[in-house]
Amino acid sequence: MLADPNPETPTFGMISTGANFSFVKLVRGETPLYARSAEFVISNPGNELYRVLQILKRLSQLPD
């Protein structure tokens, strides 16, 4: 994430085991700041996969 060529915009990432998903955001500055989302588990009641797909869709719509 630190190697992203656009340091003026936040960088997003996703960590997954295939059943668990977590999203990460990096805002670079003098001191890089990271934020991590809650963990989404697709085996939970209510199937959090739909929420994961909503987040991925929103991230895909962000300007480059």
Protein backbone atom coordinates (compact mmCIF):
# COMPACT_ATOMS: atom_id res chain seq x y z
CA MET A 1 0.00 0.00 0.00
CA LEU A 2 2.88 2.35 0.69
CA ALA A 3 4.10 1.82 -2.89
CA ASP A 4 0.91 3.26 -4.45
CA PRO A 5 2.01 5.91 -6.99
CA ASN A 6 -0.76 8.35 -5.89
CA PRO A 7 0.26 9.47 -2.38
CA GLU A 8 -2.32 12.27 -2.28
CA THR A 9 -5.31 9.90 -2.30
CA PRO A 10 -6.18 7.19 0.25
CA THR A 11 -5.22 3.61 -0.63
CA PHE A 12 -7.59 0.73 0.08
CA GLY A 13 -6.91 -2.97 0.54
CA MET A 14 -8.72 -6.14 1.49
CA ILE A 15 -7.53 -9.01 3.68
CA SER A 16 -9.34 -12.33 3.26
CA THR A 17 -9.10 -15.95 4.29
CA GLY A 18 -11.91 -16.82 1.89
CA ALA A 19 -14.46 -16.90 4.69
CA ASN A 20 -13.40 -13.79 6.66
CA PHE A 21 -12.94 -10.35 5.14
CA SER A 22 -11.46 -7.13 6.48
CA PHE A 23 -10.78 -3.85 4.70
CA VAL A 24 -7.81 -1.53 5.25
CA LYS A 25 -7.41 2.15 4.41
CA LEU A 26 -4.08 4.01 4.29
CA VAL A 27 -3.80 7.80 4.35
CA ARG A 28 -0.24 8.87 3.73
CA GLY A 29 1.39 11.87 5.26
CA GLU A 30 4.44 12.49 7.38
CA THR A 31 3.21 9.57 9.48
CA PRO A 32 1.10 7.00 7.56
CA LEU A 33 -2.30 6.34 9.17
CA TYR A 34 -4.04 3.00 8.81
CA ALA A 35 -7.66 2.18 9.57
CA ARG A 36 -9.18 -1.30 9.55
CA SER A 37 -12.83 -2.24 9.21
CA ALA A 38 -14.72 -4.73 11.28
CA GLU A 39 -14.29 -8.36 10.25
CA PHE A 40 -17.00 -9.72 8.00
CA VAL A 41 -17.64 -13.47 8.27
CA ILE A 42 -19.74 -15.08 5.55
CA SER A 43 -20.82 -17.96 7.81
CA ASN A 44 -22.51 -15.56 10.28
CA PRO A 45 -26.30 -15.50 10.34
CA GLY A 46 -27.46 -13.05 7.72
CA ASN A 47 -24.53 -13.91 5.42
CA GLU A 48 -22.20 -10.90 5.53
CA LEU A 49 -21.00 -11.68 2.01
CA TYR A 50 -23.62 -9.23 0.73
CA ARG A 51 -22.06 -6.45 2.83
CA VAL A 52 -18.59 -7.36 1.52
CA LEU A 53 -19.90 -7.15 -2.06
CA GLN A 54 -21.48 -3.75 -1.32
CA ILE A 55 -18.14 -2.43 -0.06
CA LEU A 56 -16.26 -3.79 -3.08
CA LYS A 57 -18.81 -2.20 -5.41
CA ARG A 58 -18.42 1.17 -3.66
CA LEU A 59 -14.63 0.96 -3.82
CA SER A 60 -14.80 0.19 -7.53
CA GLN A 61 -16.77 3.42 -8.07
CA LEU A 62 -14.19 5.68 -6.44
CA PRO A 63 -12.33 7.96 -8.85
CA ASP A 64 -8.81 6.87 -9.78
